[in-house]
């Protein structure tokens, strides 16, 4: 399996606000697609845990994107 995020991307995201915003938006979309697939899978305790964790992460990512839109230096 290939890396989801490379070390170079992380370095660039830390130093480039425009890249960081695009990076977060792209990965938020990927996360939401994965959550859709998970939602349609066999329901069990592990699936429920993963959905909760994914939703919490999606909210954090959305908050950071919103902060970046309001103040590009904050995100």
N, C-alpha and C. Protein backbone atom coordinates (compact mmCIF):
# COMPACT_ATOMS: atom_id res chain seq x y z
N UNK A 1 0.84 -1.18 0.00
CA UNK A 1 0.00 0.00 0.00
C UNK A 1 0.88 1.24 0.00
N UNK A 2 0.54 2.18 -0.81
CA UNK A 2 1.34 3.41 -0.89
C UNK A 2 1.03 4.31 0.30
N UNK A 3 1.97 5.20 0.57
CA UNK A 3 1.77 6.14 1.67
C UNK A 3 0.60 7.07 1.36
N UNK A 4 -0.20 7.35 2.35
CA UNK A 4 -1.30 8.28 2.16
C UNK A 4 -0.78 9.71 2.10
N UNK A 5 0.24 9.97 2.89
CA UNK A 5 0.85 11.30 2.95
C UNK A 5 2.36 11.12 2.99
N UNK A 6 3.04 11.85 2.15
CA UNK A 6 4.50 11.74 2.12
C UNK A 6 5.12 12.75 3.09
N UNK A 7 6.35 12.50 3.45
CA UNK A 7 7.08 13.42 4.32
C UNK A 7 7.22 14.79 3.65
N UNK A 8 7.42 14.78 2.34
CA UNK A 8 7.56 16.05 1.61
C UNK A 8 6.27 16.87 1.67
N UNK A 9 5.14 16.18 1.55
CA UNK A 9 3.85 16.88 1.63
C UNK A 9 3.66 17.51 3.01
N UNK A 10 4.04 16.80 4.05
CA UNK A 10 3.91 17.34 5.40
C UNK A 10 4.79 18.58 5.59
N UNK A 11 6.01 18.52 5.08
CA UNK A 11 6.91 19.67 5.18
C UNK A 11 6.31 20.86 4.45
N UNK A 12 5.82 20.62 3.23
CA UNK A 12 5.24 21.71 2.45
C UNK A 12 3.97 22.26 3.11
N UNK A 13 3.16 21.37 3.68
CA UNK A 13 1.92 21.81 4.34
C UNK A 13 2.22 22.70 5.55
N UNK A 14 3.33 22.44 6.21
CA UNK A 14 3.69 23.25 7.38
C UNK A 14 4.16 24.64 7.00
N UNK A 15 4.69 24.78 5.78
CA UNK A 15 5.29 26.06 5.41
C UNK A 15 4.52 26.84 4.35
N UNK A 16 3.54 26.23 3.70
CA UNK A 16 2.83 26.86 2.59
C UNK A 16 1.33 26.82 2.87
N UNK A 17 0.76 27.96 3.22
CA UNK A 17 -0.65 28.03 3.61
C UNK A 17 -1.59 27.62 2.48
N UNK A 18 -1.30 28.01 1.24
CA UNK A 18 -2.15 27.63 0.11
C UNK A 18 -2.12 26.11 -0.10
N UNK A 19 -0.94 25.54 -0.06
CA UNK A 19 -0.82 24.10 -0.21
C UNK A 19 -1.54 23.39 0.93
N UNK A 20 -1.39 23.90 2.15
CA UNK A 20 -2.02 23.29 3.32
C UNK A 20 -3.53 23.23 3.16
N UNK A 21 -4.11 24.31 2.66
CA UNK A 21 -5.57 24.35 2.49
C UNK A 21 -6.01 23.33 1.43
N UNK A 22 -5.31 23.27 0.31
CA UNK A 22 -5.64 22.29 -0.74
C UNK A 22 -5.42 20.87 -0.24
N UNK A 23 -4.35 20.67 0.50
CA UNK A 23 -4.01 19.37 1.07
C UNK A 23 -5.12 18.90 2.01
N UNK A 24 -5.55 19.77 2.92
CA UNK A 24 -6.62 19.42 3.85
C UNK A 24 -7.92 19.13 3.12
N UNK A 25 -8.27 19.95 2.14
CA UNK A 25 -9.51 19.75 1.39
C UNK A 25 -9.49 18.41 0.65
N UNK A 26 -8.37 18.11 0.01
CA UNK A 26 -8.25 16.85 -0.72
C UNK A 26 -8.42 15.66 0.21
N UNK A 27 -7.73 15.69 1.35
CA UNK A 27 -7.79 14.56 2.27
C UNK A 27 -9.12 14.49 3.02
N UNK A 28 -9.77 15.61 3.21
CA UNK A 28 -11.11 15.58 3.79
C UNK A 28 -12.06 14.88 2.83
N UNK A 29 -11.96 15.17 1.56
CA UNK A 29 -12.80 14.50 0.55
C UNK A 29 -12.55 12.99 0.56
N UNK A 30 -11.29 12.60 0.64
CA UNK A 30 -10.95 11.16 0.70
C UNK A 30 -11.55 10.51 1.94
N UNK A 31 -11.46 11.20 3.05
CA UNK A 31 -12.01 10.68 4.31
C UNK A 31 -13.52 10.52 4.20
N UNK A 32 -14.19 11.51 3.65
CA UNK A 32 -15.65 11.44 3.52
C UNK A 32 -16.07 10.29 2.61
N UNK A 33 -15.32 10.07 1.54
CA UNK A 33 -15.63 8.94 0.65
C UNK A 33 -15.44 7.61 1.39
N UNK A 34 -14.39 7.52 2.18
CA UNK A 34 -14.15 6.29 2.95
C UNK A 34 -15.26 6.08 3.98
N UNK A 35 -15.73 7.15 4.59
CA UNK A 35 -16.81 7.04 5.56
C UNK A 35 -18.11 6.58 4.89
N UNK A 36 -18.35 7.04 3.67
CA UNK A 36 -19.54 6.58 2.94
C UNK A 36 -19.48 5.08 2.71
N UNK A 37 -18.31 4.59 2.30
CA UNK A 37 -18.15 3.16 2.08
C UNK A 37 -18.32 2.38 3.38
N UNK A 38 -17.75 2.89 4.43
CA UNK A 38 -17.83 2.23 5.73
C UNK A 38 -19.27 2.19 6.23
N UNK A 39 -20.00 3.26 5.99
CA UNK A 39 -21.39 3.34 6.43
C UNK A 39 -22.23 2.23 5.79
N UNK A 40 -21.87 1.85 4.58
CA UNK A 40 -22.62 0.81 3.87
C UNK A 40 -22.10 -0.60 4.12
N UNK A 41 -21.11 -0.74 4.98
CA UNK A 41 -20.55 -2.06 5.26
C UNK A 41 -21.34 -2.75 6.37
N UNK A 42 -20.93 -3.96 6.69
CA UNK A 42 -21.59 -4.75 7.71
C UNK A 42 -21.52 -4.05 9.07
N UNK A 43 -22.68 -3.76 9.68
CA UNK A 43 -22.65 -3.06 10.97
C UNK A 43 -22.15 -3.97 12.10
N UNK A 44 -21.21 -3.45 12.85
CA UNK A 44 -20.71 -4.13 14.04
C UNK A 44 -20.01 -3.10 14.91
N UNK A 45 -19.52 -3.51 16.06
CA UNK A 45 -18.91 -2.58 17.01
C UNK A 45 -17.67 -1.90 16.41
N UNK A 46 -16.88 -2.63 15.66
CA UNK A 46 -15.66 -2.05 15.07
C UNK A 46 -16.02 -1.00 14.00
N UNK A 47 -17.01 -1.30 13.20
CA UNK A 47 -17.46 -0.34 12.19
C UNK A 47 -17.96 0.94 12.86
N UNK A 48 -18.74 0.78 13.91
CA UNK A 48 -19.26 1.94 14.64
C UNK A 48 -18.12 2.78 15.22
N UNK A 49 -17.10 2.12 15.77
CA UNK A 49 -15.95 2.84 16.33
C UNK A 49 -15.22 3.60 15.23
N UNK A 50 -15.01 2.94 14.10
CA UNK A 50 -14.30 3.58 12.99
C UNK A 50 -15.10 4.76 12.44
N UNK A 51 -16.41 4.63 12.35
CA UNK A 51 -17.24 5.74 11.89
C UNK A 51 -17.14 6.93 12.84
N UNK A 52 -17.23 6.68 14.14
CA UNK A 52 -17.11 7.77 15.12
C UNK A 52 -15.77 8.46 15.01
N UNK A 53 -14.70 7.68 14.92
CA UNK A 53 -13.35 8.23 14.81
C UNK A 53 -13.21 9.04 13.52
N UNK A 54 -13.73 8.52 12.43
CA UNK A 54 -13.65 9.22 11.15
C UNK A 54 -14.43 10.52 11.15
N UNK A 55 -15.60 10.51 11.76
CA UNK A 55 -16.41 11.73 11.83
C UNK A 55 -15.70 12.77 12.69
N UNK A 56 -15.12 12.36 13.80
CA UNK A 56 -14.38 13.30 14.65
C UNK A 56 -13.22 13.92 13.89
N UNK A 57 -12.50 13.12 13.12
CA UNK A 57 -11.39 13.63 12.33
C UNK A 57 -11.89 14.57 11.24
N UNK A 58 -13.00 14.22 10.59
CA UNK A 58 -13.56 15.07 9.54
C UNK A 58 -13.95 16.43 10.10
N UNK A 59 -14.52 16.46 11.30
CA UNK A 59 -14.90 17.73 11.92
C UNK A 59 -13.66 18.57 12.21
N UNK A 60 -12.61 17.94 12.72
CA UNK A 60 -11.37 18.67 12.98
C UNK A 60 -10.78 19.25 11.70
N UNK A 61 -10.80 18.45 10.64
CA UNK A 61 -10.26 18.92 9.36
C UNK A 61 -11.09 20.06 8.81
N UNK A 62 -12.41 19.95 8.91
CA UNK A 62 -13.30 21.01 8.44
C UNK A 62 -13.08 22.29 9.24
N UNK A 63 -12.89 22.16 10.54
CA UNK A 63 -12.60 23.33 11.38
C UNK A 63 -11.31 24.02 10.93
N UNK A 64 -10.29 23.24 10.67
CA UNK A 64 -9.01 23.82 10.21
C UNK A 64 -9.15 24.51 8.86
N UNK A 65 -9.93 23.91 7.97
CA UNK A 65 -10.17 24.54 6.67
C UNK A 65 -10.91 25.86 6.84
N UNK A 66 -11.89 25.87 7.73
CA UNK A 66 -12.65 27.10 7.98
C UNK A 66 -11.74 28.17 8.59
N UNK A 67 -10.90 27.79 9.54
CA UNK A 67 -9.95 28.73 10.13
C UNK A 67 -9.01 29.29 9.07
N UNK A 68 -8.56 28.43 8.17
CA UNK A 68 -7.64 28.87 7.13
C UNK A 68 -8.32 29.85 6.18
N UNK A 69 -9.60 29.64 5.93
CA UNK A 69 -10.32 30.55 5.04
C UNK A 69 -10.46 31.92 5.69
N UNK A 70 -10.61 31.95 7.01
CA UNK A 70 -10.77 33.21 7.72
C UNK A 70 -9.42 33.89 7.97
N UNK A 71 -8.40 33.09 8.27
CA UNK A 71 -7.06 33.61 8.55
C UNK A 71 -6.04 32.61 8.04
N UNK A 72 -5.52 32.78 6.84
CA UNK A 72 -4.59 31.81 6.24
C UNK A 72 -3.38 31.47 7.11
N UNK A 73 -2.97 32.34 7.99
CA UNK A 73 -1.81 32.05 8.84
C UNK A 73 -2.17 31.19 10.04
N UNK A 74 -3.48 31.04 10.35
CA UNK A 74 -3.92 30.30 11.54
C UNK A 74 -3.88 28.80 11.35
N UNK A 75 -4.11 28.31 10.17
CA UNK A 75 -4.24 26.86 9.96
C UNK A 75 -2.92 26.14 9.96
